[in-house]
Amino acid sequence: MNAEPRRTPAGTPRPGRAPQLTVFAGTRPEIVKLAPVVHALRAAGADVRVIATGQHHDRRMAGAFFADLGVPPDAVWELTGDEAARTGGLLAHALAHFAAGPRPDLAIVQGDTWTVPLVALAARRHGVPVAHVEAGLRSHNPLSPEESNRTVAADLATVHFAPTEGARDNLLREGVPAAAVHVVGNTVLDVLRTSGVPAVPVERRRGVLVTAHRPGTVDAYERLAALTATVRALADAHGPVLFPLHPRTADRLAAHGLRAELEHPGIELVEPQPHRRMLELIASSALVATDSGGLQEEAGWFGVPAVVLRESTPRPEGVALGQAALTGLDPRRALAAARRLLDPAEQRRIAALPCPYGDGRTGERIAALVLGAHRADRLALREPGAA
C-alpha cells in the first residue's frame, strides 16, 4: 500500500502572513458566542472567514443573529431532510470544504452541537488543527447528545479554551495536556458586556421567563407534558409567564396536541425574540426557568435566579452559588425552587453575586492566545518525530 504523501502542516506560519482562520457556527448560541472571537481576531489582524453550517436555518434562529452581531457569513451550507440526512450533509459539507482548500491555519468551533465534532473530524482528516471554544463542560449525563459531542471534541481539538477552572479540571482528568488548555471565561459575557443592556434593580423585576428547546425536554410526549404542567404551575403561583417558543418546541407542541395546555391567562406565548430583546427580558425577569445552558450564563451575568429544568447541568458554578437550582421537569420541585429563589432576601443576595462564568473579556484572551501560538508555530499538526 502506498504511504500517504507528507504534507506541509496547516498552521505553519510564513513570514509576514496574517493567520488564516475559519470559524464555524451552526446554531443561534454558537453565533452569539463566536461573534466576540471573530471581532477580537479581526481587530488583532487575523484573516477570519465565517461559515454558517446550516443547523439553524430559520432566520429568527440564525440569519438575523449573524447580521445583528456583525458577523455575516462568508458561506452558508444548506442542510435538508431528517436528522440523519442533515447530519450526514453537514459532515459532507465539512469534508468538501477542507478538501477544496486553501486550508486554514486553524478551524474554530464552539460548544456542543453536531457542528463541533463533525467539523473537527473533517478538519483533522485534512490536517487542520482545531480550537474548541467553551471546552471542558461536562454534565456527566450519558443520555445527553451534547455530552457526547463535547467529549468527542476533547479528543479532536488541538487548543481547548475552557470557560472555568472546573471545565479545565474536567479536561485534565480526561488526559488532555495541560499546555493545551487555557481558562479564558465564557464568550457570551463579552456580548453582554458590550450590549449596553443594564441589570435591572430587584424591585423592578417581574414575572417568569421560560425557555425550552432541547430534544430531551420536548421530543417525547411524557416529558413535553411534564414541561407544560410545570409552566402552568409557575403561572398559577408566580405569573405572569412569558414563553418565547423555539421552532422545535412549537412543532412538538403541535404534533403532540399539547399546545392547548399552555392556553392560560398567566402565560404569554411569543415568537423567538431578537437577541437584544431577549437580553432585556432576562434582565427584567424575577426568575428564569430554562433548559438552556446559555441562558443560565446570561441570568448569572444579570444576577437573576434560574430554575434549571434538567437533572444535571454542565454549568455547576451557578448551582454551587445558589443562583440556580436543578429541578428537572417536576412541577413540585420547580415550584419549591421558584418559591425559594423569589424570596426578596434571596433575590437581593443573588443580584449581588459576581458572575461565575467570566468577566466579558474572553474574545480578547482567545485572540491573544491564538495569534501567539500561530507566531510561535505551536498550532500545526505534526507526525510523531517530525521536526
Protein backbone atom coordinates (compact mmCIF):
# COMPACT_ATOMS: atom_id res chain seq x y z
CA MET A 1 0.00 0.00 0.00
CA ASN A 2 1.35 3.43 -0.89
CA ALA A 3 2.28 5.67 2.00
CA GLU A 4 0.20 8.81 2.46
CA PRO A 5 2.11 11.76 0.99
CA ARG A 6 3.74 14.06 3.55
CA ARG A 7 2.01 17.44 3.66
CA THR A 8 3.05 20.80 4.96
CA PRO A 9 1.12 21.15 8.21
CA ALA A 10 -1.68 23.66 8.33
CA GLY A 11 -0.91 26.27 10.93
CA THR A 12 2.75 26.67 9.91
CA PRO A 13 3.34 30.44 9.85
CA ARG A 14 5.05 32.10 6.96
CA PRO A 15 6.87 35.42 7.38
CA GLY A 16 4.62 38.44 7.00
CA ARG A 17 1.40 36.44 6.58
CA ALA A 18 -1.60 37.01 8.83
CA PRO A 19 -3.03 33.79 10.27
CA GLN A 20 -5.90 32.41 8.23
CA LEU A 21 -8.68 31.18 10.49
CA THR A 22 -12.11 29.72 9.79
CA VAL A 23 -14.92 29.96 12.33
CA PHE A 24 -17.87 27.56 12.09
CA ALA A 25 -21.26 28.39 13.62
CA GLY A 26 -24.37 26.27 13.22
CA THR A 27 -26.88 27.48 15.80
CA ARG A 28 -28.08 30.66 17.44
CA PRO A 29 -25.96 30.17 20.61
CA GLU A 30 -22.86 29.46 18.52
CA ILE A 31 -23.33 32.66 16.55
CA VAL A 32 -23.71 34.68 19.76
CA LYS A 33 -20.72 33.08 21.46
CA LEU A 34 -18.37 33.16 18.48
CA ALA A 35 -19.07 36.75 17.41
CA PRO A 36 -16.73 38.21 20.08
CA VAL A 37 -13.99 35.81 18.97
CA VAL A 38 -14.36 36.86 15.34
CA HIS A 39 -14.29 40.55 16.22
CA ALA A 40 -11.26 40.20 18.50
CA LEU A 41 -9.29 38.13 15.98
CA ARG A 42 -10.01 40.56 13.16
CA ALA A 43 -9.08 43.51 15.35
CA ALA A 44 -5.75 41.77 16.05
CA GLY A 45 -5.05 41.38 12.33
CA ALA A 46 -6.13 37.81 11.58
CA ASP A 47 -7.79 36.83 8.32
CA VAL A 48 -11.06 35.28 9.52
CA ARG A 49 -13.74 33.53 7.47
CA VAL A 50 -17.14 32.67 8.96
CA ILE A 51 -19.09 29.61 7.81
CA ALA A 52 -22.77 29.10 8.65
CA THR A 53 -23.13 25.32 8.84
CA GLY A 54 -26.92 25.39 8.48
CA GLN A 55 -28.07 23.71 11.69
CA HIS A 56 -30.39 26.64 12.36
CA HIS A 57 -31.82 27.70 9.02
CA ASP A 58 -34.81 29.72 10.31
CA ARG A 59 -33.92 33.43 10.02
CA ARG A 60 -35.30 34.00 13.52
CA MET A 61 -32.78 31.50 14.88
CA ALA A 62 -29.71 32.17 12.75
CA GLY A 63 -29.75 34.61 9.83
CA ALA A 64 -30.82 37.63 11.82
CA PHE A 65 -28.27 36.85 14.52
CA PHE A 66 -25.34 36.87 12.09
CA ALA A 67 -26.45 40.29 10.91
CA ASP A 68 -27.29 41.69 14.36
CA LEU A 69 -23.90 40.65 15.78
CA GLY A 70 -21.90 41.96 12.82
CA VAL A 71 -20.51 38.63 11.58
CA PRO A 72 -22.21 37.94 8.23
CA PRO A 73 -21.14 34.51 6.96
CA ASP A 74 -18.81 34.10 4.03
CA ALA A 75 -20.56 30.84 3.11
CA VAL A 76 -23.83 29.18 4.09
CA TRP A 77 -24.31 25.42 3.94
CA GLU A 78 -27.75 24.10 3.09
CA LEU A 79 -28.97 21.09 5.07
CA THR A 80 -32.21 19.29 4.25
CA GLY A 81 -34.16 16.22 5.31
CA ASP A 82 -34.42 14.43 8.64
CA GLU A 83 -31.76 14.33 11.35
CA ALA A 84 -29.79 11.58 9.63
CA ALA A 85 -29.74 13.43 6.31
CA ARG A 86 -28.87 16.76 7.89
CA THR A 87 -26.09 15.27 9.99
CA GLY A 88 -24.63 13.43 7.01
CA GLY A 89 -24.95 16.56 4.91
CA LEU A 90 -23.09 18.63 7.47
CA LEU A 91 -20.18 16.19 7.51
CA ALA A 92 -20.17 16.07 3.69
CA HIS A 93 -20.05 19.87 3.50
CA ALA A 94 -17.23 19.99 6.04
CA LEU A 95 -15.12 17.38 4.24
CA ALA A 96 -15.65 19.11 0.90
CA HIS A 97 -14.79 22.49 2.41
CA PHE A 98 -11.41 21.39 3.73
CA ALA A 99 -10.64 19.30 0.66
CA ALA A 100 -11.24 22.27 -1.65
CA GLY A 101 -8.72 24.44 0.18
CA PRO A 102 -6.95 26.61 0.83
CA ARG A 103 -6.65 25.03 4.25
CA PRO A 104 -6.83 27.48 7.15
CA ASP A 105 -4.23 27.60 9.89
CA LEU A 106 -6.94 26.84 12.45
CA ALA A 107 -10.60 25.78 12.49
CA ILE A 108 -12.57 27.24 15.40
CA VAL A 109 -15.73 25.63 16.78
CA GLN A 110 -17.79 26.33 19.87
CA GLY A 111 -19.90 24.37 22.31
CA ASP A 112 -21.60 21.05 21.82
CA THR A 113 -23.82 20.82 18.73
CA TRP A 114 -23.35 18.49 15.75
CA THR A 115 -21.23 21.20 14.11
CA VAL A 116 -18.45 20.69 16.66
CA PRO A 117 -17.46 17.01 16.23
CA LEU A 118 -18.31 16.86 12.52
CA VAL A 119 -16.29 19.93 11.56
CA ALA A 120 -13.48 18.79 13.85
CA LEU A 121 -13.42 15.33 12.23
CA ALA A 122 -13.28 16.85 8.76
CA ALA A 123 -10.58 19.33 9.78
CA ARG A 124 -8.37 16.64 11.26
CA ARG A 125 -8.89 14.47 8.16
CA HIS A 126 -7.21 17.26 6.18
CA GLY A 127 -4.50 18.12 8.69
CA VAL A 128 -6.12 21.28 10.04
CA PRO A 129 -5.80 21.93 13.78
CA VAL A 130 -8.95 22.69 15.77
CA ALA A 131 -9.65 25.15 18.58
CA HIS A 132 -12.64 24.37 20.80
CA VAL A 133 -14.26 27.35 22.49
CA GLU A 134 -16.21 26.54 25.67
CA ALA A 135 -14.23 23.33 26.12
CA GLY A 136 -14.45 21.03 29.11
CA LEU A 137 -18.08 21.44 30.13
CA ARG A 138 -19.50 18.15 31.44
CA SER A 139 -22.99 17.21 32.63
CA HIS A 140 -21.98 13.55 33.27
CA ASN A 141 -25.27 12.55 31.65
CA PRO A 142 -24.68 9.60 29.29
CA LEU A 143 -28.04 10.19 27.58
CA SER A 144 -27.14 13.71 26.55
CA PRO A 145 -26.13 14.06 22.86
CA GLU A 146 -24.44 17.34 23.75
CA GLU A 147 -22.24 15.49 26.26
CA SER A 148 -21.12 13.09 23.53
CA ASN A 149 -20.29 15.99 21.22
CA ARG A 150 -18.26 17.73 23.94
CA THR A 151 -16.24 14.66 24.83
CA VAL A 152 -15.50 13.85 21.18
CA ALA A 153 -14.29 17.43 20.76
CA ALA A 154 -11.83 16.94 23.61
CA ASP A 155 -10.10 14.19 21.59
CA LEU A 156 -10.08 16.14 18.33
CA ALA A 157 -9.15 19.66 19.41
CA THR A 158 -5.59 20.98 19.46
CA VAL A 159 -6.39 24.01 21.63
CA HIS A 160 -9.01 23.97 24.37
CA PHE A 161 -10.47 27.27 25.60
CA ALA A 162 -12.13 26.40 28.91
CA PRO A 163 -14.60 28.88 30.42
CA THR A 164 -13.90 27.99 34.08
CA GLU A 165 -11.39 26.22 36.30
CA GLY A 166 -13.91 23.40 36.70
CA ALA A 167 -14.02 22.90 32.94
CA ARG A 168 -10.21 22.86 32.85
CA ASP A 169 -10.15 20.22 35.60
CA ASN A 170 -12.54 18.04 33.58
CA LEU A 171 -10.19 18.12 30.59
CA LEU A 172 -7.11 17.35 32.67
CA ARG A 173 -8.85 14.37 34.28
CA GLU A 174 -9.58 13.08 30.76
CA GLY A 175 -5.91 13.26 29.80
CA VAL A 176 -5.79 16.49 27.78
CA PRO A 177 -2.29 18.01 28.12
CA ALA A 178 -2.27 20.95 30.50
CA ALA A 179 -0.37 23.11 28.00
CA ALA A 180 -3.25 22.80 25.54
CA VAL A 181 -5.90 24.07 27.99
CA HIS A 182 -6.50 27.77 28.68
CA VAL A 183 -9.06 29.18 31.12
CA VAL A 184 -10.50 32.24 29.40
CA GLY A 185 -14.09 32.72 30.60
CA ASN A 186 -17.23 32.39 28.50
CA THR A 187 -17.60 34.47 25.36
CA VAL A 188 -21.33 35.05 25.90
CA LEU A 189 -20.37 37.52 28.61
CA ASP A 190 -18.43 39.62 26.08
CA VAL A 191 -21.69 40.09 24.21
CA LEU A 192 -23.49 41.05 27.42
CA ARG A 193 -20.76 43.48 28.47
CA THR A 194 -20.87 45.33 25.16
CA SER A 195 -24.64 45.11 24.64
CA GLY A 196 -25.45 48.07 26.84
CA VAL A 197 -28.32 46.13 28.42
CA PRO A 198 -28.20 47.02 32.13
CA ALA A 199 -29.03 44.89 35.12
CA VAL A 200 -32.47 45.77 36.47
CA PRO A 201 -32.92 46.55 40.19
CA VAL A 202 -34.61 43.72 42.07
CA GLU A 203 -37.65 45.80 42.96
CA ARG A 204 -38.38 46.44 39.27
CA ARG A 205 -38.14 42.83 38.10
CA ARG A 206 -41.33 40.98 37.32
CA GLY A 207 -42.57 37.58 36.27
CA VAL A 208 -41.00 34.37 34.98
CA LEU A 209 -39.23 33.92 31.64
CA VAL A 210 -39.38 30.34 30.33
CA THR A 211 -37.38 28.77 27.52
CA ALA A 212 -37.19 25.11 26.50
CA HIS A 213 -35.83 23.55 23.34
CA ARG A 214 -33.62 20.53 24.00
CA PRO A 215 -34.68 17.23 22.44
CA GLY A 216 -34.59 15.60 25.85
CA THR A 217 -37.11 18.17 27.06
CA VAL A 218 -39.55 18.46 24.19
CA ASP A 219 -39.37 15.45 21.87
CA ALA A 220 -41.07 12.77 23.99
CA TYR A 221 -44.76 13.22 24.82
CA GLU A 222 -44.34 12.43 28.53
CA ARG A 223 -41.55 14.95 29.03
CA LEU A 224 -43.28 17.63 26.99
CA ALA A 225 -46.45 17.09 29.06
CA ALA A 226 -44.36 17.47 32.22
CA LEU A 227 -42.96 20.72 30.82
CA THR A 228 -46.40 22.15 30.10
CA ALA A 229 -47.55 21.16 33.61
CA THR A 230 -44.50 22.88 35.09
CA VAL A 231 -45.12 26.07 33.11
CA ARG A 232 -48.79 26.11 34.15
CA ALA A 233 -47.80 25.62 37.80
CA LEU A 234 -45.34 28.51 37.60
CA ALA A 235 -48.03 30.70 36.04
CA ASP A 236 -50.53 29.80 38.76
CA ALA A 237 -48.13 30.56 41.59
CA HIS A 238 -45.71 33.18 40.25
CA GLY A 239 -47.02 34.51 36.94
CA PRO A 240 -47.07 36.16 34.58
CA VAL A 241 -45.01 33.74 32.49
CA LEU A 242 -43.50 34.76 29.15
CA PHE A 243 -42.55 31.78 26.95
CA PRO A 244 -40.71 32.50 23.65
CA LEU A 245 -41.29 29.31 21.64
CA HIS A 246 -38.32 27.78 19.90
CA PRO A 247 -39.42 26.39 16.50
CA ARG A 248 -38.64 22.85 17.67
CA THR A 249 -40.81 23.30 20.76
CA ALA A 250 -43.66 24.81 18.78
CA ASP A 251 -43.54 21.88 16.34
CA ARG A 252 -43.58 19.29 19.15
CA LEU A 253 -46.43 21.01 20.98
CA ALA A 254 -48.49 20.89 17.79
CA ALA A 255 -47.52 17.31 16.95
CA HIS A 256 -48.38 16.02 20.42
CA GLY A 257 -51.56 18.07 20.77
CA LEU A 258 -50.26 19.86 23.86
CA ARG A 259 -50.29 23.50 22.83
CA ALA A 260 -53.75 23.91 24.37
CA GLU A 261 -52.19 23.08 27.76
CA LEU A 262 -50.44 26.43 27.60
CA GLU A 263 -53.62 28.40 26.97
CA HIS A 264 -53.68 30.07 30.36
CA PRO A 265 -54.35 33.67 31.40
CA GLY A 266 -50.95 33.85 33.08
CA ILE A 267 -48.94 32.50 30.12
CA GLU A 268 -47.96 34.50 27.05
CA LEU A 269 -46.53 32.53 24.14
CA VAL A 270 -44.42 34.59 21.73
CA GLU A 271 -42.14 34.04 18.72
CA PRO A 272 -38.35 33.73 19.20
CA GLN A 273 -37.08 37.16 20.19
CA PRO A 274 -34.26 39.24 18.71
CA HIS A 275 -31.08 38.88 20.70
CA ARG A 276 -31.06 42.27 22.39
CA ARG A 277 -34.74 41.98 23.29
CA MET A 278 -34.07 38.56 24.82
CA LEU A 279 -31.33 40.04 26.99
CA GLU A 280 -33.70 42.76 28.15
CA LEU A 281 -36.30 40.14 29.04
CA ILE A 282 -33.79 38.14 31.09
CA ALA A 283 -32.57 41.21 32.95
CA SER A 284 -36.09 42.36 33.83
CA SER A 285 -37.45 38.98 34.96
CA ALA A 286 -37.64 37.99 38.60
CA LEU A 287 -36.89 34.39 37.62
CA VAL A 288 -35.94 32.36 34.56
CA ALA A 289 -36.89 28.71 34.07
CA THR A 290 -34.92 27.07 31.30
CA ASP A 291 -33.20 24.02 29.86
CA SER A 292 -30.70 26.29 28.06
CA GLY A 293 -27.08 26.45 29.10
CA GLY A 294 -26.54 29.86 27.54
CA LEU A 295 -29.49 31.35 29.37
CA GLN A 296 -28.07 30.06 32.66
CA GLU A 297 -24.92 32.07 31.91
CA GLU A 298 -26.85 35.17 30.89
CA ALA A 299 -29.00 35.01 34.01
CA GLY A 300 -25.83 34.73 36.09
CA TRP A 301 -24.45 37.90 34.49
CA PHE A 302 -27.60 39.86 35.30
CA GLY A 303 -27.93 38.40 38.81
CA VAL A 304 -31.26 36.74 38.01
CA PRO A 305 -32.07 33.39 39.66
CA ALA A 306 -32.64 30.36 37.44
CA VAL A 307 -34.73 27.23 37.76
CA VAL A 308 -32.91 24.71 35.56
CA LEU A 309 -35.40 22.26 34.05
CA ARG A 310 -32.80 19.49 33.92
CA GLU A 311 -31.41 16.88 36.30
CA SER A 312 -27.81 17.86 35.57
CA THR A 313 -26.02 20.83 34.09
CA PRO A 314 -22.57 21.35 32.58
CA ARG A 315 -22.61 24.73 34.34
CA PRO A 316 -22.47 23.76 38.01
CA GLU A 317 -20.99 27.06 39.16
CA GLY A 318 -24.39 28.78 39.38
CA VAL A 319 -25.83 25.86 41.31
CA ALA A 320 -22.90 25.94 43.75
CA LEU A 321 -23.59 29.64 44.41
CA GLY A 322 -27.31 29.06 44.89
CA GLN A 323 -28.10 31.29 41.91
CA ALA A 324 -29.52 28.30 40.01
CA ALA A 325 -31.46 25.23 41.11
CA LEU A 326 -31.78 21.87 39.32
CA THR A 327 -35.37 20.66 39.31
CA GLY A 328 -35.87 18.55 36.21
CA LEU A 329 -39.39 18.60 34.76
CA ASP A 330 -41.08 18.10 38.12
CA PRO A 331 -43.69 20.79 38.83
CA ARG A 332 -43.40 20.35 42.60
CA ARG A 333 -39.62 20.70 42.62
CA ALA A 334 -39.76 23.65 40.21
CA LEU A 335 -42.34 25.42 42.40
CA ALA A 336 -40.31 24.81 45.56
CA ALA A 337 -37.19 26.20 43.92
CA ALA A 338 -39.09 29.18 42.49
CA ARG A 339 -40.58 29.96 45.90
CA ARG A 340 -37.12 30.00 47.47
CA LEU A 341 -35.47 31.97 44.69
CA LEU A 342 -38.25 34.58 44.61
CA ASP A 343 -37.88 35.39 48.30
CA PRO A 344 -36.92 39.10 48.45
CA ALA A 345 -33.82 38.47 50.56
CA GLU A 346 -32.68 35.74 48.18
CA GLN A 347 -33.32 38.00 45.20
CA ARG A 348 -31.06 40.66 46.71
CA ARG A 349 -28.35 38.14 47.58
CA ILE A 350 -28.28 36.69 44.06
CA ALA A 351 -28.30 40.13 42.44
CA ALA A 352 -25.11 40.96 44.36
CA LEU A 353 -23.21 37.80 43.40
CA PRO A 354 -20.27 38.02 40.97
CA CYS A 355 -20.92 36.22 37.70
CA PRO A 356 -19.23 32.80 37.95
CA TYR A 357 -18.72 32.44 34.19
CA GLY A 358 -16.26 35.22 33.37
CA ASP A 359 -15.72 38.96 33.06
CA GLY A 360 -16.65 39.74 29.46
CA ARG A 361 -13.09 39.83 28.04
CA THR A 362 -12.87 36.29 26.70
CA GLY A 363 -12.64 37.14 22.99
CA GLU A 364 -9.57 39.27 23.61
CA ARG A 365 -7.87 36.46 25.55
CA ILE A 366 -8.61 33.91 22.84
CA ALA A 367 -7.28 36.22 20.11
CA ALA A 368 -4.05 36.81 22.02
CA LEU A 369 -3.55 33.08 22.63
CA VAL A 370 -4.31 32.09 19.02
CA LEU A 371 -2.06 34.70 17.49
CA GLY A 372 0.72 33.95 19.95
CA ALA A 373 0.54 30.24 19.19
CA HIS A 374 0.50 30.97 15.44
CA ARG A 375 3.62 33.12 15.63
CA ALA A 376 5.38 30.51 17.75
CA ASP A 377 4.41 27.73 15.32
CA ARG A 378 2.58 25.79 18.04
CA LEU A 379 -0.66 25.15 16.14
CA ALA A 380 0.50 22.89 13.34
CA LEU A 381 -0.26 19.17 13.49
CA ARG A 382 2.84 17.05 13.03
CA GLU A 383 3.61 13.38 12.89
CA PRO A 384 5.45 11.96 15.90
CA GLY A 385 9.14 12.52 15.47
CA ALA A 386 8.72 15.15 12.76
CA ALA A 387 10.96 18.19 13.04
